[in-house]
Amino acid sequence: MEPVIIADQGPGTDVAAGLDVAARRHVKPGRPGKPGRPRSEQAEQAIIDATLDLFAELGFEGVCVEAVAARAGVGKATIYRRWPNKEELLLAAFGSLKSPYPEPGGVSVRDDLVAMLTVMCVDKADPRKARRYALLLGEGEKYPRLMARYKETVVEPRRDVMRAVIRRGIETGELRPDTDVEVALLALTGAVLAKEKSADSTLDADFATRVVDGVLLGLAVR
């Protein structure tokens, strides 16, 4: 079968339309199409990847909607339907550098914290994500407003999830009632950041477990 090549039809035309036409041409009647990621998700991921690639190659100034659209193979309207301007697009792209935390199970504070720190370790161990994140921090000093929004919309919501788990541990008696939530948060996340810069920068689930157990040892009820 000839490969399906989907070309962007120019500004204002959603790539999904081309995908739908191609799908109708190559799916025989009575046979379901192969399962896969929805077309809208494919387009969104292509846009995010293109934004990050351009940012890695050219920095903040090299990212513009026109260049992203060309790199992702979509029309500009496809981007504007999801993000109203360049700042929102960049925030979404930078947010994708951090994998979402798993939903806390609510049974064991230790298990929930280990699961969260494992996600942090996996992200930090990914060389591509690590390079892009380092570039973000380095370039971010030139764009304080954007970085402030990044911390507000990406960093703090993740910290709030971890804070909620620690507070739950205090309420259930797993942690001491005088536990300093902010210090506990910084001890947990700071250990991962420090490990990344150490001589042995191995970041994995075992390290995440050791960090949580070490911190909780000092926070346990006596």
N, C-alpha and C. Protein backbone atom coordinates (compact mmCIF):
# COMPACT_ATOMS: atom_id res chain seq x y z
N MET A 1 0.85 -1.20 0.00
CA MET A 1 0.00 0.00 0.00
C MET A 1 0.88 1.24 0.00
N GLU A 2 0.49 2.26 -0.79
CA GLU A 2 1.25 3.48 -0.82
C GLU A 2 1.17 4.18 0.53
N PRO A 3 2.25 4.78 1.02
CA PRO A 3 2.18 5.50 2.29
C PRO A 3 1.28 6.70 2.18
N VAL A 4 0.57 7.02 3.27
CA VAL A 4 -0.33 8.16 3.27
C VAL A 4 0.47 9.40 3.60
N ILE A 5 0.50 10.38 2.72
CA ILE A 5 1.21 11.63 2.97
C ILE A 5 0.17 12.72 3.11
N ILE A 6 0.20 13.40 4.25
CA ILE A 6 -0.80 14.42 4.55
C ILE A 6 -0.14 15.77 4.53
N ALA A 7 -0.49 16.61 3.61
CA ALA A 7 0.12 17.93 3.50
C ALA A 7 -0.78 18.96 4.14
N ASP A 8 -0.18 19.95 4.79
CA ASP A 8 -0.96 21.05 5.35
C ASP A 8 -1.52 21.89 4.22
N GLN A 9 -2.74 22.34 4.37
CA GLN A 9 -3.40 23.09 3.32
C GLN A 9 -3.25 24.59 3.48
N GLY A 10 -2.36 24.99 4.39
CA GLY A 10 -2.13 26.43 4.56
C GLY A 10 -2.85 26.97 5.77
N PRO A 11 -2.60 28.23 6.09
CA PRO A 11 -3.20 28.86 7.27
C PRO A 11 -4.71 28.75 7.24
N GLY A 12 -5.26 28.44 8.41
CA GLY A 12 -6.71 28.39 8.55
C GLY A 12 -7.30 27.04 8.27
N THR A 13 -6.48 26.07 7.87
CA THR A 13 -6.99 24.74 7.58
C THR A 13 -6.47 23.76 8.59
N ASP A 14 -7.34 23.06 9.29
CA ASP A 14 -6.91 22.12 10.32
C ASP A 14 -6.38 20.86 9.68
N VAL A 15 -5.27 20.38 10.19
CA VAL A 15 -4.68 19.15 9.66
C VAL A 15 -5.63 17.97 9.82
N ALA A 16 -6.56 18.08 10.77
CA ALA A 16 -7.49 16.97 10.99
C ALA A 16 -8.33 16.68 9.75
N ALA A 17 -8.62 17.73 8.97
CA ALA A 17 -9.42 17.51 7.78
C ALA A 17 -8.69 16.61 6.80
N GLY A 18 -7.39 16.87 6.61
CA GLY A 18 -6.60 16.04 5.72
C GLY A 18 -6.48 14.63 6.23
N LEU A 19 -6.35 14.50 7.52
CA LEU A 19 -6.26 13.17 8.11
C LEU A 19 -7.55 12.40 7.88
N ASP A 20 -8.68 13.08 8.01
CA ASP A 20 -9.96 12.40 7.85
C ASP A 20 -10.14 11.91 6.42
N VAL A 21 -9.74 12.73 5.46
CA VAL A 21 -9.85 12.32 4.06
C VAL A 21 -8.97 11.11 3.79
N ALA A 22 -7.72 11.17 4.30
CA ALA A 22 -6.81 10.06 4.09
C ALA A 22 -7.33 8.78 4.72
N ALA A 23 -7.95 8.93 5.88
CA ALA A 23 -8.47 7.75 6.56
C ALA A 23 -9.58 7.10 5.74
N ARG A 24 -10.45 7.93 5.14
CA ARG A 24 -11.56 7.38 4.35
C ARG A 24 -11.04 6.67 3.11
N ARG A 25 -9.93 7.13 2.56
CA ARG A 25 -9.39 6.51 1.36
C ARG A 25 -8.81 5.14 1.62
N HIS A 26 -8.28 4.92 2.82
CA HIS A 26 -7.50 3.71 3.05
C HIS A 26 -8.14 2.71 4.00
N VAL A 27 -9.33 3.01 4.51
CA VAL A 27 -10.02 2.05 5.37
C VAL A 27 -11.14 1.42 4.55
N LYS A 28 -11.10 0.12 4.40
CA LYS A 28 -12.10 -0.57 3.60
C LYS A 28 -13.42 -0.65 4.34
N PRO A 29 -14.56 -0.60 3.60
CA PRO A 29 -15.88 -0.67 4.24
C PRO A 29 -16.01 -1.94 5.06
N GLY A 30 -16.63 -1.80 6.24
CA GLY A 30 -16.88 -2.96 7.08
C GLY A 30 -15.69 -3.36 7.93
N ARG A 31 -14.55 -2.67 7.76
CA ARG A 31 -13.38 -3.00 8.57
C ARG A 31 -13.02 -1.81 9.44
N PRO A 32 -12.92 -2.02 10.75
CA PRO A 32 -12.57 -0.90 11.63
C PRO A 32 -11.14 -0.47 11.39
N GLY A 33 -10.87 0.83 11.54
CA GLY A 33 -9.49 1.31 11.42
C GLY A 33 -8.65 0.85 12.59
N LYS A 34 -7.34 0.91 12.42
CA LYS A 34 -6.44 0.51 13.49
C LYS A 34 -6.52 1.51 14.64
N PRO A 35 -6.51 1.01 15.88
CA PRO A 35 -6.57 1.93 17.01
C PRO A 35 -5.29 2.75 17.08
N GLY A 36 -5.39 3.94 17.60
CA GLY A 36 -4.22 4.80 17.74
C GLY A 36 -4.61 6.08 18.43
N ARG A 37 -3.67 6.98 18.55
CA ARG A 37 -3.92 8.25 19.20
C ARG A 37 -4.88 9.09 18.33
N PRO A 38 -5.90 9.74 18.94
CA PRO A 38 -6.82 10.58 18.17
C PRO A 38 -6.06 11.64 17.37
N ARG A 39 -6.63 12.02 16.22
CA ARG A 39 -5.95 12.97 15.35
C ARG A 39 -5.64 14.29 16.04
N SER A 40 -6.58 14.76 16.87
CA SER A 40 -6.35 16.03 17.56
C SER A 40 -5.16 15.94 18.50
N GLU A 41 -4.99 14.79 19.14
CA GLU A 41 -3.84 14.59 20.03
C GLU A 41 -2.55 14.52 19.23
N GLN A 42 -2.60 13.88 18.06
CA GLN A 42 -1.42 13.80 17.21
C GLN A 42 -0.97 15.20 16.80
N ALA A 43 -1.93 16.03 16.39
CA ALA A 43 -1.60 17.39 15.97
C ALA A 43 -1.03 18.18 17.15
N GLU A 44 -1.65 18.03 18.31
CA GLU A 44 -1.19 18.77 19.49
C GLU A 44 0.23 18.35 19.88
N GLN A 45 0.51 17.05 19.83
CA GLN A 45 1.85 16.58 20.18
C GLN A 45 2.88 17.08 19.17
N ALA A 46 2.50 17.11 17.90
CA ALA A 46 3.42 17.61 16.87
C ALA A 46 3.75 19.07 17.10
N ILE A 47 2.76 19.84 17.53
CA ILE A 47 2.97 21.27 17.80
C ILE A 47 3.88 21.45 19.01
N ILE A 48 3.63 20.69 20.06
CA ILE A 48 4.47 20.78 21.26
C ILE A 48 5.92 20.40 20.93
N ASP A 49 6.09 19.31 20.19
CA ASP A 49 7.44 18.86 19.82
C ASP A 49 8.15 19.92 18.97
N ALA A 50 7.42 20.50 18.03
CA ALA A 50 8.02 21.52 17.17
C ALA A 50 8.43 22.74 17.98
N THR A 51 7.60 23.13 18.94
CA THR A 51 7.92 24.27 19.79
C THR A 51 9.19 24.02 20.59
N LEU A 52 9.29 22.84 21.18
CA LEU A 52 10.47 22.51 21.97
C LEU A 52 11.71 22.40 21.11
N ASP A 53 11.57 21.84 19.90
CA ASP A 53 12.71 21.73 19.00
C ASP A 53 13.24 23.12 18.61
N LEU A 54 12.33 24.00 18.26
CA LEU A 54 12.73 25.36 17.88
C LEU A 54 13.36 26.10 19.06
N PHE A 55 12.79 25.88 20.24
CA PHE A 55 13.34 26.52 21.44
C PHE A 55 14.76 26.01 21.70
N ALA A 56 14.97 24.70 21.56
CA ALA A 56 16.29 24.12 21.78
C ALA A 56 17.30 24.62 20.76
N GLU A 57 16.85 24.83 19.53
CA GLU A 57 17.76 25.26 18.45
C GLU A 57 18.01 26.76 18.44
N LEU A 58 16.96 27.55 18.73
CA LEU A 58 17.05 28.99 18.49
C LEU A 58 16.73 29.84 19.72
N GLY A 59 16.35 29.21 20.83
CA GLY A 59 15.98 29.98 22.01
C GLY A 59 14.59 30.58 21.90
N PHE A 60 14.24 31.42 22.87
CA PHE A 60 12.90 32.00 22.91
C PHE A 60 12.58 32.78 21.64
N GLU A 61 13.54 33.55 21.17
CA GLU A 61 13.28 34.41 20.02
C GLU A 61 13.00 33.61 18.75
N GLY A 62 13.51 32.40 18.69
CA GLY A 62 13.32 31.58 17.50
C GLY A 62 11.96 30.91 17.42
N VAL A 63 11.19 31.02 18.49
CA VAL A 63 9.86 30.39 18.51
C VAL A 63 8.80 31.41 18.09
N CYS A 64 8.14 31.15 16.97
CA CYS A 64 7.01 31.96 16.54
C CYS A 64 5.97 31.00 15.96
N VAL A 65 4.75 31.43 15.94
CA VAL A 65 3.67 30.56 15.51
C VAL A 65 3.89 30.08 14.08
N GLU A 66 4.36 30.97 13.21
CA GLU A 66 4.59 30.59 11.82
C GLU A 66 5.61 29.46 11.72
N ALA A 67 6.72 29.59 12.45
CA ALA A 67 7.77 28.58 12.39
C ALA A 67 7.30 27.26 13.00
N VAL A 68 6.55 27.35 14.09
CA VAL A 68 6.03 26.14 14.73
C VAL A 68 5.06 25.42 13.79
N ALA A 69 4.19 26.17 13.15
CA ALA A 69 3.22 25.58 12.24
C ALA A 69 3.93 24.86 11.09
N ALA A 70 4.95 25.51 10.54
CA ALA A 70 5.70 24.89 9.43
C ALA A 70 6.40 23.62 9.89
N ARG A 71 7.00 23.67 11.08
CA ARG A 71 7.74 22.50 11.59
C ARG A 71 6.78 21.35 11.93
N ALA A 72 5.62 21.68 12.47
CA ALA A 72 4.66 20.65 12.88
C ALA A 72 3.81 20.14 11.73
N GLY A 73 3.81 20.85 10.61
CA GLY A 73 2.99 20.43 9.47
C GLY A 73 1.52 20.71 9.66
N VAL A 74 1.19 21.83 10.32
CA VAL A 74 -0.21 22.21 10.54
C VAL A 74 -0.40 23.66 10.11
N GLY A 75 -1.64 24.08 10.02
CA GLY A 75 -1.94 25.48 9.75
C GLY A 75 -1.87 26.30 11.03
N LYS A 76 -1.62 27.59 10.89
CA LYS A 76 -1.56 28.46 12.06
C LYS A 76 -2.86 28.44 12.85
N ALA A 77 -3.99 28.31 12.15
CA ALA A 77 -5.28 28.29 12.82
C ALA A 77 -5.38 27.11 13.79
N THR A 78 -4.73 26.00 13.45
CA THR A 78 -4.75 24.83 14.33
C THR A 78 -4.09 25.16 15.66
N ILE A 79 -3.02 25.94 15.60
CA ILE A 79 -2.33 26.34 16.83
C ILE A 79 -3.17 27.34 17.61
N TYR A 80 -3.71 28.35 16.92
CA TYR A 80 -4.46 29.39 17.61
C TYR A 80 -5.75 28.86 18.23
N ARG A 81 -6.28 27.77 17.72
CA ARG A 81 -7.47 27.19 18.35
C ARG A 81 -7.15 26.62 19.73
N ARG A 82 -5.90 26.25 19.94
CA ARG A 82 -5.49 25.65 21.21
C ARG A 82 -4.82 26.67 22.14
N TRP A 83 -4.00 27.54 21.57
CA TRP A 83 -3.26 28.52 22.36
C TRP A 83 -3.40 29.89 21.69
N PRO A 84 -3.89 30.89 22.41
CA PRO A 84 -4.19 32.18 21.79
C PRO A 84 -2.97 33.00 21.40
N ASN A 85 -1.80 32.69 21.99
CA ASN A 85 -0.61 33.47 21.67
C ASN A 85 0.65 32.64 21.95
N LYS A 86 1.79 33.21 21.61
CA LYS A 86 3.07 32.52 21.74
C LYS A 86 3.37 32.16 23.20
N GLU A 87 3.03 33.05 24.13
CA GLU A 87 3.33 32.79 25.54
C GLU A 87 2.61 31.54 26.04
N GLU A 88 1.32 31.41 25.71
CA GLU A 88 0.56 30.25 26.14
C GLU A 88 1.10 28.97 25.50
N LEU A 89 1.54 29.07 24.24
CA LEU A 89 2.12 27.92 23.56
C LEU A 89 3.42 27.49 24.24
N LEU A 90 4.26 28.46 24.58
CA LEU A 90 5.52 28.14 25.26
C LEU A 90 5.26 27.52 26.63
N LEU A 91 4.29 28.04 27.36
CA LEU A 91 3.97 27.49 28.68
C LEU A 91 3.51 26.03 28.56
N ALA A 92 2.71 25.74 27.55
CA ALA A 92 2.25 24.37 27.35
C ALA A 92 3.43 23.46 27.00
N ALA A 93 4.33 23.98 26.16
CA ALA A 93 5.50 23.19 25.77
C ALA A 93 6.41 22.93 26.96
N PHE A 94 6.67 23.95 27.75
CA PHE A 94 7.54 23.78 28.91
C PHE A 94 6.88 22.87 29.95
N GLY A 95 5.57 22.97 30.06
CA GLY A 95 4.86 22.09 30.99
C GLY A 95 5.00 20.63 30.62
N SER A 96 5.15 20.35 29.33
CA SER A 96 5.28 18.95 28.88
C SER A 96 6.62 18.35 29.26
N LEU A 97 7.58 19.18 29.69
CA LEU A 97 8.88 18.65 30.12
C LEU A 97 8.77 17.93 31.46
N LYS A 98 7.68 18.13 32.15
CA LYS A 98 7.44 17.46 33.43
C LYS A 98 6.28 16.48 33.27
N SER A 99 6.54 15.22 33.48
CA SER A 99 5.47 14.22 33.39
C SER A 99 4.49 14.40 34.54
N PRO A 100 3.21 14.15 34.32
CA PRO A 100 2.22 14.31 35.39
C PRO A 100 2.46 13.32 36.52
N TYR A 101 2.21 13.76 37.73
CA TYR A 101 2.30 12.86 38.88
C TYR A 101 1.15 11.86 38.83
N PRO A 102 1.37 10.65 39.32
CA PRO A 102 0.24 9.71 39.43
C PRO A 102 -0.74 10.20 40.48
N GLU A 103 -1.99 9.85 40.31
CA GLU A 103 -3.01 10.23 41.29
C GLU A 103 -2.69 9.57 42.63
N PRO A 104 -2.58 10.36 43.72
CA PRO A 104 -2.29 9.76 45.03
C PRO A 104 -3.31 8.70 45.41
N GLY A 105 -2.81 7.57 45.88
CA GLY A 105 -3.71 6.48 46.25
C GLY A 105 -4.48 6.77 47.52
N GLY A 106 -3.92 7.62 48.38
CA GLY A 106 -4.60 7.99 49.61
C GLY A 106 -4.51 6.97 50.71
N VAL A 107 -3.71 5.91 50.54
CA VAL A 107 -3.59 4.87 51.56
C VAL A 107 -2.31 5.04 52.35
N SER A 108 -1.20 5.24 51.66
CA SER A 108 0.10 5.36 52.30
C SER A 108 0.80 6.61 51.80
N VAL A 109 1.16 7.51 52.74
CA VAL A 109 1.90 8.71 52.36
C VAL A 109 3.23 8.32 51.74
N ARG A 110 3.88 7.33 52.30
CA ARG A 110 5.17 6.90 51.77
C ARG A 110 5.04 6.45 50.31
N ASP A 111 4.07 5.60 50.04
CA ASP A 111 3.90 5.10 48.67
C ASP A 111 3.59 6.22 47.69
N ASP A 112 2.75 7.17 48.11
CA ASP A 112 2.40 8.28 47.22
C ASP A 112 3.62 9.15 46.93
N LEU A 113 4.42 9.42 47.95
CA LEU A 113 5.61 10.25 47.75
C LEU A 113 6.66 9.53 46.90
N VAL A 114 6.82 8.24 47.12
CA VAL A 114 7.76 7.47 46.29
C VAL A 114 7.34 7.53 44.83
N ALA A 115 6.04 7.38 44.56
CA ALA A 115 5.55 7.42 43.19
C ALA A 115 5.82 8.77 42.55
N MET A 116 5.63 9.86 43.30
CA MET A 116 5.88 11.20 42.76
C MET A 116 7.36 11.44 42.50
N LEU A 117 8.21 11.08 43.46
CA LEU A 117 9.64 11.29 43.27
C LEU A 117 10.21 10.40 42.17
N THR A 118 9.61 9.24 41.97
CA THR A 118 10.05 8.37 40.87
C THR A 118 9.80 9.06 39.54
N VAL A 119 8.66 9.73 39.40
CA VAL A 119 8.36 10.48 38.17
C VAL A 119 9.40 11.58 37.98
N MET A 120 9.74 12.29 39.06
CA MET A 120 10.76 13.32 38.98
C MET A 120 12.09 12.75 38.51
N CYS A 121 12.47 11.61 39.08
CA CYS A 121 13.75 10.98 38.74
C CYS A 121 13.77 10.55 37.27
N VAL A 122 12.68 9.98 36.80
CA VAL A 122 12.62 9.54 35.41
C VAL A 122 12.76 10.74 34.46
N ASP A 123 12.09 11.85 34.78
CA ASP A 123 12.21 13.05 33.95
C ASP A 123 13.64 13.58 33.94
N LYS A 124 14.25 13.64 35.13
CA LYS A 124 15.62 14.16 35.22
C LYS A 124 16.62 13.25 34.53
N ALA A 125 16.32 11.96 34.47
CA ALA A 125 17.23 11.00 33.84
C ALA A 125 17.10 10.99 32.32
N ASP A 126 16.07 11.64 31.80
CA ASP A 126 15.87 11.72 30.35
C ASP A 126 16.78 12.83 29.81
N PRO A 127 17.82 12.49 29.05
CA PRO A 127 18.79 13.52 28.63
C PRO A 127 18.18 14.62 27.77
N ARG A 128 17.20 14.26 26.95
CA ARG A 128 16.58 15.28 26.09
C ARG A 128 15.80 16.28 26.93
N LYS A 129 15.00 15.77 27.87
CA LYS A 129 14.25 16.67 28.74
C LYS A 129 15.20 17.49 29.61
N ALA A 130 16.26 16.85 30.10
CA ALA A 130 17.20 17.55 30.98
C ALA A 130 17.87 18.70 30.25
N ARG A 131 18.27 18.49 29.00
CA ARG A 131 18.92 19.56 28.23
C ARG A 131 17.96 20.73 28.00
N ARG A 132 16.74 20.39 27.64
CA ARG A 132 15.77 21.45 27.38
C ARG A 132 15.41 22.21 28.65
N TYR A 133 15.31 21.49 29.75
CA TYR A 133 14.98 22.15 31.01
C TYR A 133 16.12 23.06 31.46
N ALA A 134 17.36 22.60 31.27
CA ALA A 134 18.52 23.43 31.62
C ALA A 134 18.54 24.70 30.77
N LEU A 135 18.19 24.57 29.50
CA LEU A 135 18.13 25.73 28.62
C LEU A 135 17.02 26.67 29.05
N LEU A 136 15.90 26.11 29.46
CA LEU A 136 14.79 26.93 29.95
C LEU A 136 15.23 27.77 31.15
N LEU A 137 15.91 27.15 32.09
CA LEU A 137 16.35 27.87 33.28
C LEU A 137 17.38 28.94 32.92
N GLY A 138 18.27 28.61 32.00
CA GLY A 138 19.29 29.57 31.61
C GLY A 138 18.73 30.76 30.86
N GLU A 139 17.85 30.50 29.90
CA GLU A 139 17.25 31.56 29.10
C GLU A 139 16.18 32.31 29.87
N GLY A 140 15.59 31.64 30.85
CA GLY A 140 14.45 32.21 31.55
C GLY A 140 14.75 33.49 32.29
N GLU A 141 16.02 33.69 32.66
CA GLU A 141 16.38 34.92 33.38
C GLU A 141 16.11 36.17 32.53
N LYS A 142 16.12 36.01 31.22
CA LYS A 142 15.88 37.15 30.33
C LYS A 142 14.38 37.45 30.20
N TYR A 143 13.56 36.51 30.65
CA TYR A 143 12.11 36.64 30.48
C TYR A 143 11.40 36.39 31.81
N PRO A 144 11.56 37.32 32.76
CA PRO A 144 11.03 37.10 34.12
C PRO A 144 9.51 36.91 34.16
N ARG A 145 8.78 37.62 33.30
CA ARG A 145 7.32 37.48 33.32
C ARG A 145 6.91 36.07 32.90
N LEU A 146 7.53 35.56 31.84
CA LEU A 146 7.20 34.22 31.37
C LEU A 146 7.58 33.18 32.42
N MET A 147 8.73 33.34 33.05
CA MET A 147 9.16 32.38 34.07
C MET A 147 8.25 32.44 35.29
N ALA A 148 7.77 33.64 35.62
CA ALA A 148 6.85 33.76 36.75
C ALA A 148 5.56 32.99 36.46
N ARG A 149 5.08 33.10 35.23
CA ARG A 149 3.87 32.36 34.85
C ARG A 149 4.14 30.86 34.80
N TYR A 150 5.33 30.48 34.37
CA TYR A 150 5.70 29.05 34.35
C TYR A 150 5.65 28.48 35.77
N LYS A 151 6.22 29.20 36.71
CA LYS A 151 6.20 28.73 38.10
C LYS A 151 4.77 28.67 38.64
N GLU A 152 3.97 29.67 38.25
CA GLU A 152 2.59 29.74 38.74
C GLU A 152 1.72 28.63 38.16
N THR A 153 1.88 28.34 36.86
CA THR A 153 0.97 27.41 36.19
C THR A 153 1.48 25.98 36.10
N VAL A 154 2.80 25.79 36.22
CA VAL A 154 3.37 24.44 36.09
C VAL A 154 3.98 23.95 37.39
N VAL A 155 4.87 24.75 37.97
CA VAL A 155 5.64 24.29 39.14
C VAL A 155 4.78 24.22 40.39
N GLU A 156 4.08 25.30 40.70
CA GLU A 156 3.32 25.34 41.95
C GLU A 156 2.19 24.32 42.02
N PRO A 157 1.43 24.10 40.96
CA PRO A 157 0.39 23.06 41.04
C PRO A 157 0.97 21.68 41.37
N ARG A 158 2.16 21.37 40.86
CA ARG A 158 2.80 20.09 41.18
C ARG A 158 3.22 20.06 42.66
N ARG A 159 3.74 21.17 43.13
CA ARG A 159 4.12 21.23 44.54
C ARG A 159 2.90 21.12 45.44
N ASP A 160 1.79 21.69 45.00
CA ASP A 160 0.56 21.62 45.79
C ASP A 160 0.09 20.17 45.96
N VAL A 161 0.28 19.36 44.92
CA VAL A 161 -0.10 17.95 45.03
C VAL A 161 0.74 17.27 46.11
N MET A 162 2.04 17.54 46.13
CA MET A 162 2.91 16.94 47.13
C MET A 162 2.62 17.49 48.53
N ARG A 163 2.33 18.78 48.59
CA ARG A 163 1.96 19.38 49.89
C ARG A 163 0.72 18.70 50.45
N ALA A 164 -0.25 18.44 49.58
CA ALA A 164 -1.50 17.82 50.03
C ALA A 164 -1.24 16.43 50.61
N VAL A 165 -0.32 15.69 50.00
CA VAL A 165 0.01 14.35 50.51
C VAL A 165 0.67 14.46 51.88
N ILE A 166 1.57 15.41 52.03
CA ILE A 166 2.26 15.59 53.33
C ILE A 166 1.25 16.00 54.40
N ARG A 167 0.36 16.93 54.06
CA ARG A 167 -0.66 17.36 55.03
C ARG A 167 -1.57 16.20 55.41
N ARG A 168 -1.90 15.36 54.44
CA ARG A 168 -2.72 14.20 54.75
C ARG A 168 -2.01 13.29 55.74
N GLY A 169 -0.70 13.15 55.59
CA GLY A 169 0.07 12.33 56.52
C GLY A 169 0.04 12.88 57.93
N ILE A 170 0.00 14.21 58.03
CA ILE A 170 -0.10 14.84 59.37
C ILE A 170 -1.47 14.54 59.96
N GLU A 171 -2.51 14.67 59.13
CA GLU A 171 -3.88 14.45 59.60
C GLU A 171 -4.13 13.01 60.02
N THR A 172 -3.52 12.06 59.30
CA THR A 172 -3.75 10.64 59.60
C THR A 172 -2.82 10.12 60.69
N GLY A 173 -1.87 10.94 61.11
CA GLY A 173 -0.95 10.51 62.15
C GLY A 173 0.27 9.77 61.62
N GLU A 174 0.42 9.68 60.31
CA GLU A 174 1.63 9.05 59.75
C GLU A 174 2.85 9.94 59.95
N LEU A 175 2.63 11.23 59.99
CA LEU A 175 3.72 12.19 60.20
C LEU A 175 3.46 12.98 61.48
N ARG A 176 4.51 13.51 62.05
CA ARG A 176 4.39 14.29 63.28
C ARG A 176 3.49 15.50 63.08
N PRO A 177 2.72 15.88 64.07
CA PRO A 177 1.83 17.04 63.94
C PRO A 177 2.57 18.35 63.74
N ASP A 178 3.84 18.41 64.15
CA ASP A 178 4.61 19.64 63.99
C ASP A 178 5.45 19.63 62.71
N THR A 179 5.16 18.73 61.80
CA THR A 179 5.90 18.65 60.54
C THR A 179 5.80 19.97 59.77
N ASP A 180 6.93 20.49 59.35
CA ASP A 180 6.98 21.69 58.52
C ASP A 180 6.78 21.25 57.06
N VAL A 181 5.63 21.55 56.50
CA VAL A 181 5.28 21.06 55.16
C VAL A 181 6.26 21.58 54.11
N GLU A 182 6.62 22.85 54.20
CA GLU A 182 7.51 23.43 53.19
C GLU A 182 8.91 22.84 53.27
N VAL A 183 9.41 22.62 54.48
CA VAL A 183 10.73 22.03 54.64
C VAL A 183 10.73 20.59 54.12
N ALA A 184 9.68 19.86 54.43
CA ALA A 184 9.57 18.48 53.95
C ALA A 184 9.54 18.46 52.42
N LEU A 185 8.77 19.36 51.82
CA LEU A 185 8.69 19.45 50.36
C LEU A 185 10.05 19.73 49.75
N LEU A 186 10.77 20.71 50.31
CA LEU A 186 12.08 21.07 49.77
C LEU A 186 13.10 19.96 49.98
N ALA A 187 13.00 19.25 51.10
CA ALA A 187 13.93 18.14 51.35
C ALA A 187 13.74 17.03 50.32
N LEU A 188 12.49 16.74 49.98
CA LEU A 188 12.20 15.67 49.03
C LEU A 188 12.63 16.06 47.61
N THR A 189 12.16 17.21 47.14
CA THR A 189 12.47 17.62 45.77
C THR A 189 13.91 18.07 45.62
N GLY A 190 14.44 18.69 46.66
CA GLY A 190 15.81 19.18 46.61
C GLY A 190 16.82 18.05 46.49
N ALA A 191 16.51 16.92 47.09
CA ALA A 191 17.43 15.77 47.00
C ALA A 191 17.57 15.30 45.57
N VAL A 192 16.46 15.32 44.82
CA VAL A 192 16.50 14.90 43.41
C VAL A 192 17.32 15.90 42.59
N LEU A 193 17.11 17.20 42.83
CA LEU A 193 17.85 18.22 42.09
C LEU A 193 19.34 18.15 42.40
N ALA A 194 19.67 17.90 43.67
CA ALA A 194 21.08 17.81 44.06
C ALA A 194 21.74 16.58 43.46
N LYS A 195 21.03 15.48 43.43
CA LYS A 195 21.56 14.22 42.88
C LYS A 195 21.91 14.38 41.41
N GLU A 196 21.10 15.16 40.70
CA GLU A 196 21.33 15.37 39.27
C GLU A 196 22.69 16.00 39.01
N LYS A 197 23.16 16.81 39.97
CA LYS A 197 24.42 17.52 39.79
C LYS A 197 25.61 16.84 40.47
N SER A 198 25.37 15.69 41.10
CA SER A 198 26.44 15.00 41.80
C SER A 198 27.24 14.11 40.86
N ALA A 199 28.39 13.59 41.37
CA ALA A 199 29.25 12.73 40.55
C ALA A 199 28.50 11.48 40.10
N ASP A 200 27.75 10.88 41.01
CA ASP A 200 26.90 9.74 40.66
C ASP A 200 25.49 10.28 40.48
N SER A 201 25.12 10.55 39.25
CA SER A 201 23.83 11.20 38.99
C SER A 201 22.73 10.21 38.63
N THR A 202 22.89 8.96 39.08
CA THR A 202 21.88 7.95 38.79
C THR A 202 20.56 8.31 39.47
N LEU A 203 19.53 8.46 38.67
CA LEU A 203 18.21 8.81 39.18
C LEU A 203 17.23 7.74 38.75
N ASP A 204 16.70 7.02 39.73
CA ASP A 204 15.77 5.94 39.44
C ASP A 204 14.83 5.74 40.61
N ALA A 205 13.97 4.71 40.52
CA ALA A 205 12.99 4.45 41.57
C ALA A 205 13.65 4.10 42.89
N ASP A 206 14.81 3.43 42.83
CA ASP A 206 15.51 3.09 44.06
C ASP A 206 15.96 4.34 44.80
N PHE A 207 16.48 5.31 44.06
CA PHE A 207 16.90 6.56 44.70
C PHE A 207 15.69 7.29 45.27
N ALA A 208 14.59 7.32 44.53
CA ALA A 208 13.38 7.97 45.02
C ALA A 208 12.93 7.35 46.33
N THR A 209 12.98 6.04 46.42
CA THR A 209 12.57 5.33 47.65
C THR A 209 13.49 5.68 48.80
N ARG A 210 14.78 5.73 48.54
CA ARG A 210 15.75 6.06 49.60
C ARG A 210 15.54 7.47 50.12
N VAL A 211 15.24 8.42 49.22
CA VAL A 211 15.00 9.80 49.64
C VAL A 211 13.76 9.88 50.53
N VAL A 212 12.68 9.27 50.08
CA VAL A 212 11.44 9.33 50.86
C VAL A 212 11.62 8.67 52.21
N ASP A 213 12.22 7.50 52.23
CA ASP A 213 12.42 6.81 53.51
C ASP A 213 13.32 7.63 54.44
N GLY A 214 14.35 8.25 53.88
CA GLY A 214 15.25 9.06 54.71
C GLY A 214 14.56 10.27 55.29
N VAL A 215 13.75 10.96 54.49
CA VAL A 215 13.04 12.14 54.98
C VAL A 215 11.95 11.75 55.97
N LEU A 216 11.21 10.72 55.65
CA LEU A 216 10.11 10.32 56.54
C LEU A 216 10.62 9.78 57.87
N LEU A 217 11.84 9.27 57.88
CA LEU A 217 12.41 8.79 59.14
C LEU A 217 12.46 9.92 60.17
N GLY A 218 12.76 11.13 59.69
CA GLY A 218 12.80 12.26 60.60
C GLY A 218 11.44 12.87 60.88
N LEU A 219 10.44 12.52 60.08
CA LEU A 219 9.11 13.08 60.26
C LEU A 219 8.12 12.12 60.91
N ALA A 220 8.57 10.88 61.12
CA ALA A 220 7.67 9.88 61.68
C ALA A 220 7.30 10.20 63.13
N VAL A 221 6.11 9.74 63.50
CA VAL A 221 5.64 9.93 64.86
C VAL A 221 6.51 9.09 65.80
N ARG A 222 6.92 9.68 66.92
CA ARG A 222 7.79 8.96 67.87
C ARG A 222 7.04 8.63 69.14
